[in-house]
All heavy atoms as atom14 arrays in JSON, in Angstrom:
{
  "sequence": "GAYHSFDMFNLIMNSKEIEIPEIKKIQVDIPNGHGIVDMTSFFGEPK",
  "atom14_mask": [
    [1, 1, 1, 1, 0, 0, 0, 0, 0, 0, 0, 0, 0, 0],
    [1, 1, 1, 1, 1, 0, 0, 0, 0, 0, 0, 0, 0, 0],
    [1, 1, 1, 1, 1, 1, 1, 1, 1, 1, 1, 1, 0, 0],
    [1, 1, 1, 1, 1, 1, 1, 1, 1, 1, 0, 0, 0, 0],
    [1, 1, 1, 1, 1, 1, 0, 0, 0, 0, 0, 0, 0, 0],
    [1, 1, 1, 1, 1, 1, 1, 1, 1, 1, 1, 0, 0, 0],
    [1, 1, 1, 1, 1, 1, 1, 1, 0, 0, 0, 0, 0, 0],
    [1, 1, 1, 1, 1, 1, 1, 1, 0, 0, 0, 0, 0, 0],
    [1, 1, 1, 1, 1, 1, 1, 1, 1, 1, 1, 0, 0, 0],
    [1, 1, 1, 1, 1, 1, 1, 1, 0, 0, 0, 0, 0, 0],
    [1, 1, 1, 1, 1, 1, 1, 1, 0, 0, 0, 0, 0, 0],
    [1, 1, 1, 1, 1, 1, 1, 1, 0, 0, 0, 0, 0, 0],
    [1, 1, 1, 1, 1, 1, 1, 1, 0, 0, 0, 0, 0, 0],
    [1, 1, 1, 1, 1, 1, 1, 1, 0, 0, 0, 0, 0, 0],
    [1, 1, 1, 1, 1, 1, 0, 0, 0, 0, 0, 0, 0, 0],
    [1, 1, 1, 1, 1, 1, 1, 1, 1, 0, 0, 0, 0, 0],
    [1, 1, 1, 1, 1, 1, 1, 1, 1, 0, 0, 0, 0, 0],
    [1, 1, 1, 1, 1, 1, 1, 1, 0, 0, 0, 0, 0, 0],
    [1, 1, 1, 1, 1, 1, 1, 1, 1, 0, 0, 0, 0, 0],
    [1, 1, 1, 1, 1, 1, 1, 1, 0, 0, 0, 0, 0, 0],
    [1, 1, 1, 1, 1, 1, 1, 0, 0, 0, 0, 0, 0, 0],
    [1, 1, 1, 1, 1, 1, 1, 1, 1, 0, 0, 0, 0, 0],
    [1, 1, 1, 1, 1, 1, 1, 1, 0, 0, 0, 0, 0, 0],
    [1, 1, 1, 1, 1, 1, 1, 1, 1, 0, 0, 0, 0, 0],
    [1, 1, 1, 1, 1, 1, 1, 1, 1, 0, 0, 0, 0, 0],
    [1, 1, 1, 1, 1, 1, 1, 1, 0, 0, 0, 0, 0, 0],
    [1, 1, 1, 1, 1, 1, 1, 1, 1, 0, 0, 0, 0, 0],
    [1, 1, 1, 1, 1, 1, 1, 0, 0, 0, 0, 0, 0, 0],
    [1, 1, 1, 1, 1, 1, 1, 1, 0, 0, 0, 0, 0, 0],
    [1, 1, 1, 1, 1, 1, 1, 1, 0, 0, 0, 0, 0, 0],
    [1, 1, 1, 1, 1, 1, 1, 0, 0, 0, 0, 0, 0, 0],
    [1, 1, 1, 1, 1, 1, 1, 1, 0, 0, 0, 0, 0, 0],
    [1, 1, 1, 1, 0, 0, 0, 0, 0, 0, 0, 0, 0, 0],
    [1, 1, 1, 1, 1, 1, 1, 1, 1, 1, 0, 0, 0, 0],
    [1, 1, 1, 1, 0, 0, 0, 0, 0, 0, 0, 0, 0, 0],
    [1, 1, 1, 1, 1, 1, 1, 1, 0, 0, 0, 0, 0, 0],
    [1, 1, 1, 1, 1, 1, 1, 0, 0, 0, 0, 0, 0, 0],
    [1, 1, 1, 1, 1, 1, 1, 1, 0, 0, 0, 0, 0, 0],
    [1, 1, 1, 1, 1, 1, 1, 1, 0, 0, 0, 0, 0, 0],
    [1, 1, 1, 1, 1, 1, 1, 0, 0, 0, 0, 0, 0, 0],
    [1, 1, 1, 1, 1, 1, 0, 0, 0, 0, 0, 0, 0, 0],
    [1, 1, 1, 1, 1, 1, 1, 1, 1, 1, 1, 0, 0, 0],
    [1, 1, 1, 1, 1, 1, 1, 1, 1, 1, 1, 0, 0, 0],
    [1, 1, 1, 1, 0, 0, 0, 0, 0, 0, 0, 0, 0, 0],
    [1, 1, 1, 1, 1, 1, 1, 1, 1, 0, 0, 0, 0, 0],
    [1, 1, 1, 1, 1, 1, 1, 0, 0, 0, 0, 0, 0, 0],
    [1, 1, 1, 1, 1, 1, 1, 1, 1, 0, 0, 0, 0, 0]
  ],
  "atom14_positions": [
    [[88.59, 106.16, 104.62], [87.28, 106.68, 104.25], [87.46, 107.87, 103.32], [88.11, 107.79, 102.28], [0.0, 0.0, 0.0], [0.0, 0.0, 0.0], [0.0, 0.0, 0.0], [0.0, 0.0, 0.0], [0.0, 0.0, 0.0], [0.0, 0.0, 0.0], [0.0, 0.0, 0.0], [0.0, 0.0, 0.0], [0.0, 0.0, 0.0], [0.0, 0.0, 0.0]],
    [[86.9, 109.03, 103.71], [86.98, 110.23, 102.88], [88.23, 111.05, 103.16], [88.46, 112.07, 102.49], [85.74, 111.09, 103.12], [0.0, 0.0, 0.0], [0.0, 0.0, 0.0], [0.0, 0.0, 0.0], [0.0, 0.0, 0.0], [0.0, 0.0, 0.0], [0.0, 0.0, 0.0], [0.0, 0.0, 0.0], [0.0, 0.0, 0.0], [0.0, 0.0, 0.0]],
    [[89.06, 110.63, 104.14], [90.17, 111.47, 104.59], [91.52, 110.9, 104.15], [91.88, 109.78, 104.52], [90.15, 111.6, 106.11], [88.83, 112.08, 106.66], [88.05, 111.25, 107.48], [88.34, 113.35, 106.36], [86.84, 111.68, 107.99], [87.12, 113.78, 106.86], [86.37, 112.95, 107.67], [85.17, 113.39, 108.17], [0.0, 0.0, 0.0], [0.0, 0.0, 0.0]],
    [[92.27, 111.71, 103.39], [93.61, 111.29, 102.98], [94.62, 111.71, 104.03], [94.54, 112.81, 104.59], [93.96, 111.9, 101.63], [95.22, 111.36, 101.04], [96.46, 111.9, 101.32], [95.45, 110.3, 100.22], [97.39, 111.21, 100.68], [96.8, 110.24, 100.01], [0.0, 0.0, 0.0], [0.0, 0.0, 0.0], [0.0, 0.0, 0.0], [0.0, 0.0, 0.0]],
    [[95.59, 110.84, 104.28], [96.55, 111.07, 105.37], [97.31, 112.39, 105.22], [97.57, 113.08, 106.22], [97.54, 109.9, 105.45], [98.19, 109.7, 104.22], [0.0, 0.0, 0.0], [0.0, 0.0, 0.0], [0.0, 0.0, 0.0], [0.0, 0.0, 0.0], [0.0, 0.0, 0.0], [0.0, 0.0, 0.0], [0.0, 0.0, 0.0], [0.0, 0.0, 0.0]],
    [[97.65, 112.76, 104.0], [98.39, 114.02, 103.81], [97.45, 115.2, 103.57], [97.57, 116.25, 104.2], [99.38, 113.9, 102.65], [100.23, 115.14, 102.48], [101.34, 115.35, 103.29], [99.9, 116.1, 101.53], [102.1, 116.5, 103.15], [100.66, 117.25, 101.39], [101.77, 117.45, 102.21], [0.0, 0.0, 0.0], [0.0, 0.0, 0.0], [0.0, 0.0, 0.0]],
    [[96.49, 115.02, 102.67], [95.62, 116.14, 102.31], [94.81, 116.65, 103.49], [94.57, 117.86, 103.62], [94.66, 115.71, 101.2], [95.39, 115.33, 99.91], [96.55, 115.77, 99.75], [94.81, 114.59, 99.09], [0.0, 0.0, 0.0], [0.0, 0.0, 0.0], [0.0, 0.0, 0.0], [0.0, 0.0, 0.0], [0.0, 0.0, 0.0], [0.0, 0.0, 0.0]],
    [[94.39, 115.73, 104.39], [93.54, 116.13, 105.51], [94.33, 116.37, 106.78], [94.04, 117.31, 107.53], [92.48, 115.04, 105.76], [91.46, 115.42, 106.81], [90.41, 116.78, 106.22], [89.54, 117.2, 107.73], [0.0, 0.0, 0.0], [0.0, 0.0, 0.0], [0.0, 0.0, 0.0], [0.0, 0.0, 0.0], [0.0, 0.0, 0.0], [0.0, 0.0, 0.0]],
    [[95.35, 115.55, 107.03], [96.03, 115.59, 108.32], [97.49, 116.03, 108.25], [98.17, 116.12, 109.27], [95.97, 114.2, 108.99], [94.58, 113.66, 109.13], [94.14, 112.6, 108.34], [93.69, 114.21, 110.04], [92.85, 112.1, 108.47], [92.4, 113.71, 110.18], [91.98, 112.66, 109.39], [0.0, 0.0, 0.0], [0.0, 0.0, 0.0], [0.0, 0.0, 0.0]],
    [[98.02, 116.27, 107.03], [99.41, 116.66, 106.84], [100.38, 115.62, 107.41], [101.39, 115.95, 108.04], [99.69, 118.03, 107.48], [99.3, 119.17, 106.57], [100.02, 119.52, 105.64], [98.13, 119.74, 106.84], [0.0, 0.0, 0.0], [0.0, 0.0, 0.0], [0.0, 0.0, 0.0], [0.0, 0.0, 0.0], [0.0, 0.0, 0.0], [0.0, 0.0, 0.0]],
    [[100.06, 114.36, 107.19], [100.91, 113.26, 107.66], [101.81, 112.79, 106.53], [101.36, 112.57, 105.41], [100.05, 112.09, 108.15], [99.08, 112.38, 109.29], [98.27, 111.14, 109.62], [99.82, 112.88, 110.53], [0.0, 0.0, 0.0], [0.0, 0.0, 0.0], [0.0, 0.0, 0.0], [0.0, 0.0, 0.0], [0.0, 0.0, 0.0], [0.0, 0.0, 0.0]],
    [[103.08, 112.63, 106.85], [104.06, 112.11, 105.89], [104.35, 110.66, 106.27], [104.84, 110.39, 107.38], [105.34, 112.95, 105.92], [105.02, 114.4, 105.55], [106.37, 112.37, 104.95], [106.19, 115.34, 105.76], [0.0, 0.0, 0.0], [0.0, 0.0, 0.0], [0.0, 0.0, 0.0], [0.0, 0.0, 0.0], [0.0, 0.0, 0.0], [0.0, 0.0, 0.0]],
    [[104.04, 109.72, 105.38], [104.22, 108.31, 105.71], [105.7, 107.93, 105.65], [106.39, 108.17, 104.67], [103.42, 107.42, 104.75], [103.47, 105.95, 105.12], [102.69, 104.85, 103.9], [100.99, 105.38, 104.0], [0.0, 0.0, 0.0], [0.0, 0.0, 0.0], [0.0, 0.0, 0.0], [0.0, 0.0, 0.0], [0.0, 0.0, 0.0], [0.0, 0.0, 0.0]],
    [[106.16, 107.33, 106.74], [107.54, 106.86, 106.82], [107.65, 105.36, 106.54], [108.62, 104.9, 105.94], [108.13, 107.15, 108.2], [108.16, 108.64, 108.5], [108.51, 109.45, 107.64], [107.77, 109.01, 109.72], [0.0, 0.0, 0.0], [0.0, 0.0, 0.0], [0.0, 0.0, 0.0], [0.0, 0.0, 0.0], [0.0, 0.0, 0.0], [0.0, 0.0, 0.0]],
    [[106.66, 104.62, 106.98], [106.68, 103.17, 106.77], [105.27, 102.62, 106.91], [104.38, 103.26, 107.46], [107.61, 102.48, 107.78], [107.11, 102.62, 109.1], [0.0, 0.0, 0.0], [0.0, 0.0, 0.0], [0.0, 0.0, 0.0], [0.0, 0.0, 0.0], [0.0, 0.0, 0.0], [0.0, 0.0, 0.0], [0.0, 0.0, 0.0], [0.0, 0.0, 0.0]],
    [[105.09, 101.4, 106.39], [103.8, 100.72, 106.53], [104.03, 99.22, 106.61], [105.03, 98.7, 106.11], [102.88, 101.04, 105.35], [103.38, 100.59, 104.0], [102.39, 100.94, 102.92], [102.91, 100.58, 101.54], [104.06, 101.39, 101.13], [0.0, 0.0, 0.0], [0.0, 0.0, 0.0], [0.0, 0.0, 0.0], [0.0, 0.0, 0.0], [0.0, 0.0, 0.0]],
    [[103.1, 98.55, 107.27], [103.14, 97.09, 107.38], [101.76, 96.54, 107.03], [100.76, 96.98, 107.59], [103.52, 96.65, 108.8], [104.9, 97.08, 109.25], [105.2, 96.69, 110.69], [104.51, 95.77, 111.2], [106.08, 97.31, 111.31], [0.0, 0.0, 0.0], [0.0, 0.0, 0.0], [0.0, 0.0, 0.0], [0.0, 0.0, 0.0], [0.0, 0.0, 0.0]],
    [[101.71, 95.62, 106.09], [100.47, 94.95, 105.7], [100.62, 93.48, 106.08], [101.34, 92.73, 105.42], [100.2, 95.09, 104.19], [100.32, 96.55, 103.74], [98.83, 94.51, 103.86], [99.32, 97.48, 104.35], [0.0, 0.0, 0.0], [0.0, 0.0, 0.0], [0.0, 0.0, 0.0], [0.0, 0.0, 0.0], [0.0, 0.0, 0.0], [0.0, 0.0, 0.0]],
    [[99.97, 93.09, 107.15], [100.12, 91.71, 107.61], [99.44, 90.72, 106.65], [98.49, 91.07, 105.96], [99.49, 91.55, 109.0], [100.22, 92.25, 110.12], [99.57, 92.0, 111.47], [98.54, 91.29, 111.51], [100.11, 92.49, 112.47], [0.0, 0.0, 0.0], [0.0, 0.0, 0.0], [0.0, 0.0, 0.0], [0.0, 0.0, 0.0], [0.0, 0.0, 0.0]],
    [[99.95, 89.51, 106.65], [99.3, 88.4, 105.95], [98.32, 87.77, 106.94], [98.72, 87.42, 108.06], [100.32, 87.35, 105.48], [101.37, 88.0, 104.57], [99.61, 86.21, 104.77], [100.82, 88.61, 103.32], [0.0, 0.0, 0.0], [0.0, 0.0, 0.0], [0.0, 0.0, 0.0], [0.0, 0.0, 0.0], [0.0, 0.0, 0.0], [0.0, 0.0, 0.0]],
    [[97.05, 87.63, 106.58], [96.09, 87.07, 107.54], [96.42, 85.62, 107.9], [96.76, 84.81, 107.03], [94.75, 87.17, 106.82], [95.09, 87.3, 105.37], [96.41, 88.0, 105.31], [0.0, 0.0, 0.0], [0.0, 0.0, 0.0], [0.0, 0.0, 0.0], [0.0, 0.0, 0.0], [0.0, 0.0, 0.0], [0.0, 0.0, 0.0], [0.0, 0.0, 0.0]],
    [[96.32, 85.33, 109.16], [96.64, 83.98, 109.64], [95.49, 83.02, 109.33], [94.31, 83.37, 109.45], [96.87, 84.02, 111.15], [97.26, 82.7, 111.77], [97.46, 82.78, 113.28], [97.53, 83.9, 113.8], [97.52, 81.7, 113.92], [0.0, 0.0, 0.0], [0.0, 0.0, 0.0], [0.0, 0.0, 0.0], [0.0, 0.0, 0.0], [0.0, 0.0, 0.0]],
    [[95.85, 81.82, 108.9], [94.85, 80.8, 108.61], [94.25, 80.28, 109.92], [94.96, 80.04, 110.9], [95.48, 79.63, 107.83], [96.03, 80.11, 106.49], [94.46, 78.51, 107.61], [96.84, 79.08, 105.76], [0.0, 0.0, 0.0], [0.0, 0.0, 0.0], [0.0, 0.0, 0.0], [0.0, 0.0, 0.0], [0.0, 0.0, 0.0], [0.0, 0.0, 0.0]],
    [[92.92, 80.13, 109.93], [92.26, 79.52, 111.09], [92.4, 78.0, 110.98], [91.67, 77.36, 110.23], [90.78, 79.9, 111.12], [90.5, 81.36, 111.46], [89.0, 81.61, 111.56], [88.69, 83.02, 111.98], [87.24, 83.26, 112.1], [0.0, 0.0, 0.0], [0.0, 0.0, 0.0], [0.0, 0.0, 0.0], [0.0, 0.0, 0.0], [0.0, 0.0, 0.0]],
    [[93.35, 77.46, 111.69], [93.6, 76.02, 111.61], [92.63, 75.25, 112.49], [92.35, 75.62, 113.62], [95.04, 75.72, 112.04], [96.1, 76.28, 111.1], [97.49, 75.89, 111.57], [98.55, 76.44, 110.62], [99.93, 76.08, 111.07], [0.0, 0.0, 0.0], [0.0, 0.0, 0.0], [0.0, 0.0, 0.0], [0.0, 0.0, 0.0], [0.0, 0.0, 0.0]],
    [[92.11, 74.17, 111.91], [91.25, 73.25, 112.66], [91.9, 71.88, 112.59], [91.92, 71.24, 111.53], [89.82, 73.19, 112.08], [89.21, 74.59, 112.01], [88.94, 72.26, 112.92], [87.86, 74.63, 111.32], [0.0, 0.0, 0.0], [0.0, 0.0, 0.0], [0.0, 0.0, 0.0], [0.0, 0.0, 0.0], [0.0, 0.0, 0.0], [0.0, 0.0, 0.0]],
    [[92.47, 71.45, 113.69], [93.18, 70.18, 113.73], [92.66, 69.33, 114.88], [92.42, 69.83, 115.97], [94.68, 70.42, 113.88], [95.3, 71.17, 112.69], [96.77, 71.43, 112.85], [97.24, 71.68, 113.96], [97.51, 71.41, 111.75], [0.0, 0.0, 0.0], [0.0, 0.0, 0.0], [0.0, 0.0, 0.0], [0.0, 0.0, 0.0], [0.0, 0.0, 0.0]],
    [[92.48, 68.06, 114.6], [91.94, 67.13, 115.58], [93.0, 66.08, 115.9], [93.48, 65.39, 114.99], [90.65, 66.46, 115.08], [90.11, 65.48, 116.13], [89.6, 67.52, 114.73], [0.0, 0.0, 0.0], [0.0, 0.0, 0.0], [0.0, 0.0, 0.0], [0.0, 0.0, 0.0], [0.0, 0.0, 0.0], [0.0, 0.0, 0.0], [0.0, 0.0, 0.0]],
    [[93.35, 66.0, 117.16], [94.3, 64.99, 117.59], [93.58, 63.65, 117.74], [92.46, 63.58, 118.27], [94.92, 65.4, 118.93], [96.17, 64.61, 119.26], [96.59, 63.8, 118.41], [96.72, 64.79, 120.35], [0.0, 0.0, 0.0], [0.0, 0.0, 0.0], [0.0, 0.0, 0.0], [0.0, 0.0, 0.0], [0.0, 0.0, 0.0], [0.0, 0.0, 0.0]],
    [[94.19, 62.59, 117.25], [93.56, 61.27, 117.29], [94.1, 60.51, 118.5], [95.29, 60.17, 118.54], [93.86, 60.47, 116.01], [93.42, 61.28, 114.78], [93.19, 59.11, 116.04], [93.83, 60.65, 113.47], [0.0, 0.0, 0.0], [0.0, 0.0, 0.0], [0.0, 0.0, 0.0], [0.0, 0.0, 0.0], [0.0, 0.0, 0.0], [0.0, 0.0, 0.0]],
    [[93.25, 60.25, 119.5], [93.72, 59.49, 120.67], [94.21, 58.1, 120.25], [93.6, 57.44, 119.41], [92.48, 59.38, 121.55], [91.58, 60.5, 121.1], [91.85, 60.65, 119.63], [0.0, 0.0, 0.0], [0.0, 0.0, 0.0], [0.0, 0.0, 0.0], [0.0, 0.0, 0.0], [0.0, 0.0, 0.0], [0.0, 0.0, 0.0], [0.0, 0.0, 0.0]],
    [[95.33, 57.7, 120.79], [95.91, 56.38, 120.52], [96.22, 56.16, 119.04], [96.23, 55.02, 118.57], [94.97, 55.26, 121.02], [94.67, 55.39, 122.5], [95.56, 55.63, 123.31], [93.4, 55.25, 122.86], [0.0, 0.0, 0.0], [0.0, 0.0, 0.0], [0.0, 0.0, 0.0], [0.0, 0.0, 0.0], [0.0, 0.0, 0.0], [0.0, 0.0, 0.0]],
    [[96.42, 57.26, 118.32], [96.76, 57.14, 116.9], [97.88, 58.09, 116.54], [98.27, 58.97, 117.3], [0.0, 0.0, 0.0], [0.0, 0.0, 0.0], [0.0, 0.0, 0.0], [0.0, 0.0, 0.0], [0.0, 0.0, 0.0], [0.0, 0.0, 0.0], [0.0, 0.0, 0.0], [0.0, 0.0, 0.0], [0.0, 0.0, 0.0], [0.0, 0.0, 0.0]],
    [[98.42, 57.9, 115.35], [99.52, 58.74, 114.89], [99.0, 60.03, 114.26], [98.0, 60.04, 113.56], [100.36, 57.99, 113.86], [101.02, 56.77, 114.4], [102.02, 56.81, 115.35], [100.82, 55.44, 114.13], [102.42, 55.59, 115.63], [101.7, 54.72, 114.9], [0.0, 0.0, 0.0], [0.0, 0.0, 0.0], [0.0, 0.0, 0.0], [0.0, 0.0, 0.0]],
    [[99.7, 61.1, 114.51], [99.44, 62.36, 113.83], [98.12, 63.0, 114.21], [97.51, 62.7, 115.23], [0.0, 0.0, 0.0], [0.0, 0.0, 0.0], [0.0, 0.0, 0.0], [0.0, 0.0, 0.0], [0.0, 0.0, 0.0], [0.0, 0.0, 0.0], [0.0, 0.0, 0.0], [0.0, 0.0, 0.0], [0.0, 0.0, 0.0], [0.0, 0.0, 0.0]],
    [[97.69, 63.91, 113.33], [96.46, 64.65, 113.53], [95.67, 64.69, 112.23], [96.21, 64.44, 111.15], [96.74, 66.1, 113.99], [97.6, 66.83, 112.94], [97.41, 66.15, 115.35], [97.8, 68.29, 113.23], [0.0, 0.0, 0.0], [0.0, 0.0, 0.0], [0.0, 0.0, 0.0], [0.0, 0.0, 0.0], [0.0, 0.0, 0.0], [0.0, 0.0, 0.0]],
    [[94.38, 65.01, 112.34], [93.53, 65.21, 111.16], [93.36, 66.72, 110.98], [92.89, 67.42, 111.88], [92.17, 64.53, 111.34], [91.27, 64.85, 110.14], [92.33, 63.03, 111.49], [0.0, 0.0, 0.0], [0.0, 0.0, 0.0], [0.0, 0.0, 0.0], [0.0, 0.0, 0.0], [0.0, 0.0, 0.0], [0.0, 0.0, 0.0], [0.0, 0.0, 0.0]],
    [[93.75, 67.21, 109.81], [93.62, 68.64, 109.52], [92.3, 68.88, 108.79], [92.08, 68.39, 107.7], [94.79, 69.11, 108.65], [94.87, 70.62, 108.57], [93.83, 71.25, 108.32], [95.98, 71.17, 108.77], [0.0, 0.0, 0.0], [0.0, 0.0, 0.0], [0.0, 0.0, 0.0], [0.0, 0.0, 0.0], [0.0, 0.0, 0.0], [0.0, 0.0, 0.0]],
    [[91.41, 69.66, 109.43], [90.09, 69.95, 108.86], [89.97, 71.42, 108.47], [88.88, 71.96, 108.36], [89.01, 69.57, 109.88], [89.04, 68.11, 110.3], [87.76, 67.71, 111.5], [86.28, 67.95, 110.52], [0.0, 0.0, 0.0], [0.0, 0.0, 0.0], [0.0, 0.0, 0.0], [0.0, 0.0, 0.0], [0.0, 0.0, 0.0], [0.0, 0.0, 0.0]],
    [[91.11, 72.06, 108.23], [91.11, 73.48, 107.92], [90.25, 73.81, 106.71], [89.55, 74.84, 106.68], [92.56, 73.97, 107.67], [93.34, 73.7, 108.84], [92.6, 75.45, 107.38], [0.0, 0.0, 0.0], [0.0, 0.0, 0.0], [0.0, 0.0, 0.0], [0.0, 0.0, 0.0], [0.0, 0.0, 0.0], [0.0, 0.0, 0.0], [0.0, 0.0, 0.0]],
    [[90.27, 72.96, 105.69], [89.49, 73.2, 104.47], [88.24, 72.34, 104.39], [87.7, 72.1, 103.31], [90.37, 72.96, 103.24], [91.49, 73.82, 103.24], [0.0, 0.0, 0.0], [0.0, 0.0, 0.0], [0.0, 0.0, 0.0], [0.0, 0.0, 0.0], [0.0, 0.0, 0.0], [0.0, 0.0, 0.0], [0.0, 0.0, 0.0], [0.0, 0.0, 0.0]],
    [[87.75, 71.89, 105.55], [86.61, 70.99, 105.57], [85.38, 71.62, 104.93], [84.57, 70.94, 104.29], [86.3, 70.59, 107.02], [85.15, 69.63, 107.16], [85.33, 68.27, 106.91], [83.89, 70.07, 107.52], [84.28, 67.37, 107.03], [82.83, 69.18, 107.64], [83.03, 67.83, 107.4], [0.0, 0.0, 0.0], [0.0, 0.0, 0.0], [0.0, 0.0, 0.0]],
    [[85.21, 72.95, 105.08], [84.03, 73.62, 104.54], [84.3, 74.25, 103.18], [83.61, 75.17, 102.75], [83.54, 74.68, 105.53], [83.04, 74.1, 106.83], [83.82, 74.14, 107.97], [81.8, 73.48, 106.88], [83.36, 73.59, 109.16], [81.33, 72.94, 108.06], [82.12, 72.99, 109.2], [0.0, 0.0, 0.0], [0.0, 0.0, 0.0], [0.0, 0.0, 0.0]],
    [[85.32, 73.76, 102.46], [85.53, 74.18, 101.09], [86.69, 75.11, 100.84], [87.26, 75.12, 99.77], [0.0, 0.0, 0.0], [0.0, 0.0, 0.0], [0.0, 0.0, 0.0], [0.0, 0.0, 0.0], [0.0, 0.0, 0.0], [0.0, 0.0, 0.0], [0.0, 0.0, 0.0], [0.0, 0.0, 0.0], [0.0, 0.0, 0.0], [0.0, 0.0, 0.0]],
    [[87.06, 75.92, 101.79], [88.18, 76.84, 101.63], [88.73, 77.17, 103.01], [88.0, 77.13, 104.0], [87.75, 78.14, 100.93], [86.75, 78.96, 101.72], [86.54, 80.35, 101.17], [87.41, 80.83, 100.43], [85.51, 80.96, 101.51], [0.0, 0.0, 0.0], [0.0, 0.0, 0.0], [0.0, 0.0, 0.0], [0.0, 0.0, 0.0], [0.0, 0.0, 0.0]],
    [[90.0, 77.48, 103.12], [90.53, 77.91, 104.42], [89.85, 79.2, 104.87], [89.5, 80.05, 104.04], [92.02, 78.14, 104.13], [92.3, 77.44, 102.86], [91.03, 77.46, 102.07], [0.0, 0.0, 0.0], [0.0, 0.0, 0.0], [0.0, 0.0, 0.0], [0.0, 0.0, 0.0], [0.0, 0.0, 0.0], [0.0, 0.0, 0.0], [0.0, 0.0, 0.0]],
    [[89.67, 79.34, 106.16], [89.15, 80.58, 106.72], [90.32, 81.34, 107.37], [91.29, 80.73, 107.82], [88.06, 80.3, 107.76], [86.93, 79.42, 107.25], [86.22, 80.01, 106.05], [85.09, 79.09, 105.59], [84.45, 79.56, 104.35], [0.0, 0.0, 0.0], [0.0, 0.0, 0.0], [0.0, 0.0, 0.0], [0.0, 0.0, 0.0], [0.0, 0.0, 0.0]]
  ]
}
């Protein structure tokens, strides 16, 4: 927000981690059939 880690709190950054967001997978298992149906992008883009 308005507060910088060093200017406001005197914090010295040693390390950082920026995670990659996990895809919301939508998969349907087919009874008595091979494999699965992946509907992850069914609504136009992965969520």
